[in-house]
Amino acid sequence: KPASTLMLPADKACNKSITAVTFNGVNVLGSTHFDTEFTVGKVRFTNLAATPSIMATAQLCITVRAPCNNFEFFFNSAKVAGPGSFHYAIFNDN
């Protein structure tokens, strides 16, 4: 089954900072959602319809405004997984 959603943790302070998102060169900003109701914020990129082979080589490009245009700050690395890292989850529709 194709993956439909990719989810990444992000600092909740960044919920209005995303200005552009592409997935394999396709604009997916309209399918990008920032959830702030959890302890750690989450960014969901939906309707990707990506097969496992696409996901293996896909590029996700996120453009964000300051002060969130810093990897450690945006991905909340120190709180979530440790400096220089982040977690992600991939879901399909079922």
C-alpha atoms as a PDB file:
ATOM      1  CA  LYS A   1       0.000   0.000   0.000  1.00  0.00           C
ATOM      2  CA  PRO A   2       1.261   3.502  -0.729  1.00  0.00           C
ATOM      3  CA  ALA A   3       2.157   5.639   2.272  1.00  0.00           C
ATOM      4  CA  SER A   4      -0.209   8.548   2.608  1.00  0.00           C
ATOM      5  CA  THR A   5       1.180  10.442   5.620  1.00  0.00           C
ATOM      6  CA  LEU A   6       4.603  11.326   6.948  1.00  0.00           C
ATOM      7  CA  MET A   7       4.757  12.768  10.464  1.00  0.00           C
ATOM      8  CA  LEU A   8       7.668  14.555  12.163  1.00  0.00           C
ATOM      9  CA  PRO A   9       7.956  16.037  15.663  1.00  0.00           C
ATOM     10  CA  ALA A  10       8.545  19.799  15.729  1.00  0.00           C
ATOM     11  CA  ASP A  11       8.707  22.554  18.306  1.00  0.00           C
ATOM     12  CA  LYS A  12       5.206  23.939  18.863  1.00  0.00           C
ATOM     13  CA  ALA A  13       6.591  27.490  18.631  1.00  0.00           C
ATOM     14  CA  CYS A  14       7.175  26.784  14.921  1.00  0.00           C
ATOM     15  CA  ASN A  15       3.512  26.130  14.090  1.00  0.00           C
ATOM     16  CA  LYS A  16       3.267  29.250  11.865  1.00  0.00           C
ATOM     17  CA  SER A  17       6.807  29.172  10.455  1.00  0.00           C
ATOM     18  CA  ILE A  18       6.487  26.753   7.509  1.00  0.00           C
ATOM     19  CA  THR A  19       6.400  28.701   4.238  1.00  0.00           C
ATOM     20  CA  ALA A  20       6.976  25.973   1.617  1.00  0.00           C
ATOM     21  CA  VAL A  21       7.039  22.167   1.423  1.00  0.00           C
ATOM     22  CA  THR A  22       7.856  19.887  -1.487  1.00  0.00           C
ATOM     23  CA  PHE A  23       7.897  16.097  -1.660  1.00  0.00           C
ATOM     24  CA  ASN A  24       9.950  14.846  -4.588  1.00  0.00           C
ATOM     25  CA  GLY A  25       9.625  18.268  -6.207  1.00  0.00           C
ATOM     26  CA  VAL A  26       5.824  18.457  -5.833  1.00  0.00           C
ATOM     27  CA  ASN A  27       4.316  21.252  -3.715  1.00  0.00           C
ATOM     28  CA  VAL A  28       2.562  19.680  -0.693  1.00  0.00           C
ATOM     29  CA  LEU A  29       2.155  22.821   1.443  1.00  0.00           C
ATOM     30  CA  GLY A  30      -1.641  22.504   1.145  1.00  0.00           C
ATOM     31  CA  SER A  31      -1.428  18.990   2.625  1.00  0.00           C
ATOM     32  CA  THR A  32       0.790  20.055   5.533  1.00  0.00           C
ATOM     33  CA  HIS A  33      -0.749  20.230   9.009  1.00  0.00           C
ATOM     34  CA  PHE A  34       0.870  21.308  12.290  1.00  0.00           C
ATOM     35  CA  ASP A  35      -0.629  19.669  15.394  1.00  0.00           C
ATOM     36  CA  THR A  36      -0.058  21.514  18.675  1.00  0.00           C
ATOM     37  CA  GLU A  37      -2.366  19.610  21.029  1.00  0.00           C
ATOM     38  CA  PHE A  38       0.363  17.173  22.157  1.00  0.00           C
ATOM     39  CA  THR A  39       3.341  17.753  24.480  1.00  0.00           C
ATOM     40  CA  VAL A  40       5.586  17.897  21.416  1.00  0.00           C
ATOM     41  CA  GLY A  41       4.277  19.479  18.222  1.00  0.00           C
ATOM     42  CA  LYS A  42       3.844  17.292  15.150  1.00  0.00           C
ATOM     43  CA  VAL A  43       3.933  18.172  11.464  1.00  0.00           C
ATOM     44  CA  ARG A  44       1.887  15.894   9.190  1.00  0.00           C
ATOM     45  CA  PHE A  45       2.362  15.765   5.428  1.00  0.00           C
ATOM     46  CA  THR A  46      -0.711  13.999   4.000  1.00  0.00           C
ATOM     47  CA  ASN A  47      -1.925  12.621   0.647  1.00  0.00           C
ATOM     48  CA  LEU A  48       1.590  11.590  -0.443  1.00  0.00           C
ATOM     49  CA  ALA A  49       0.589   8.330  -2.200  1.00  0.00           C
ATOM     50  CA  ALA A  50       4.205   7.153  -2.045  1.00  0.00           C
ATOM     51  CA  THR A  51       5.128   3.517  -2.616  1.00  0.00           C
ATOM     52  CA  PRO A  52       7.931   1.953  -0.534  1.00  0.00           C
ATOM     53  CA  SER A  53      10.369   2.419  -3.425  1.00  0.00           C
ATOM     54  CA  ILE A  54       9.448   6.114  -3.697  1.00  0.00           C
ATOM     55  CA  MET A  55       9.838   6.588   0.067  1.00  0.00           C
ATOM     56  CA  ALA A  56      13.299   4.991  -0.048  1.00  0.00           C
ATOM     57  CA  THR A  57      14.662   7.789  -2.241  1.00  0.00           C
ATOM     58  CA  ALA A  58      12.183  10.628  -1.657  1.00  0.00           C
ATOM     59  CA  GLN A  59      13.249  14.133  -0.753  1.00  0.00           C
ATOM     60  CA  LEU A  60      11.165  16.244   1.593  1.00  0.00           C
ATOM     61  CA  CYS A  61      12.117  19.933   1.532  1.00  0.00           C
ATOM     62  CA  ILE A  62      10.724  22.249   4.210  1.00  0.00           C
ATOM     63  CA  THR A  63      11.261  26.013   4.158  1.00  0.00           C
ATOM     64  CA  VAL A  64      10.726  27.775   7.496  1.00  0.00           C
ATOM     65  CA  ARG A  65      11.059  31.327   8.837  1.00  0.00           C
ATOM     66  CA  ALA A  66      13.351  32.384  11.688  1.00  0.00           C
ATOM     67  CA  PRO A  67      13.787  31.520  14.481  1.00  0.00           C
ATOM     68  CA  CYS A  68      12.652  28.053  13.386  1.00  0.00           C
ATOM     69  CA  ASN A  69      15.051  27.870  10.428  1.00  0.00           C
ATOM     70  CA  ASN A  70      17.455  25.900  12.615  1.00  0.00           C
ATOM     71  CA  PHE A  71      17.444  22.075  12.536  1.00  0.00           C
ATOM     72  CA  GLU A  72      17.844  21.626  16.315  1.00  0.00           C
ATOM     73  CA  PHE A  73      15.145  24.183  17.153  1.00  0.00           C
ATOM     74  CA  PHE A  74      12.569  23.148  14.536  1.00  0.00           C
ATOM     75  CA  PHE A  75      12.805  19.400  15.173  1.00  0.00           C
ATOM     76  CA  ASN A  76      13.050  19.910  18.952  1.00  0.00           C
ATOM     77  CA  SER A  77      15.983  17.481  18.818  1.00  0.00           C
ATOM     78  CA  ALA A  78      17.268  17.924  22.375  1.00  0.00           C
ATOM     79  CA  LYS A  79      13.846  17.044  23.835  1.00  0.00           C
ATOM     80  CA  VAL A  80      12.835  14.298  21.409  1.00  0.00           C
ATOM     81  CA  ALA A  81      15.804  12.205  20.286  1.00  0.00           C
ATOM     82  CA  GLY A  82      19.026  14.012  21.127  1.00  0.00           C
ATOM     83  CA  PRO A  83      21.063  16.671  19.297  1.00  0.00           C
ATOM     84  CA  GLY A  84      21.302  16.232  15.522  1.00  0.00           C
ATOM     85  CA  SER A  85      18.466  13.726  15.238  1.00  0.00           C
ATOM     86  CA  PHE A  86      14.720  13.487  14.735  1.00  0.00           C
ATOM     87  CA  HIS A  87      12.017  10.826  14.639  1.00  0.00           C
ATOM     88  CA  TYR A  88       9.507  10.223  11.900  1.00  0.00           C
ATOM     89  CA  ALA A  89       6.512   7.997  11.272  1.00  0.00           C
ATOM     90  CA  ILE A  90       4.962   6.841   7.991  1.00  0.00           C
ATOM     91  CA  PHE A  91       1.297   5.802   7.716  1.00  0.00           C
ATOM     92  CA  ASN A  92      -0.976   4.475   5.023  1.00  0.00           C
ATOM     93  CA  ASP A  93      -4.739   5.091   4.786  1.00  0.00           C
ATOM     94  CA  ASN A  94      -5.726   1.865   6.505  1.00  0.00           C
END
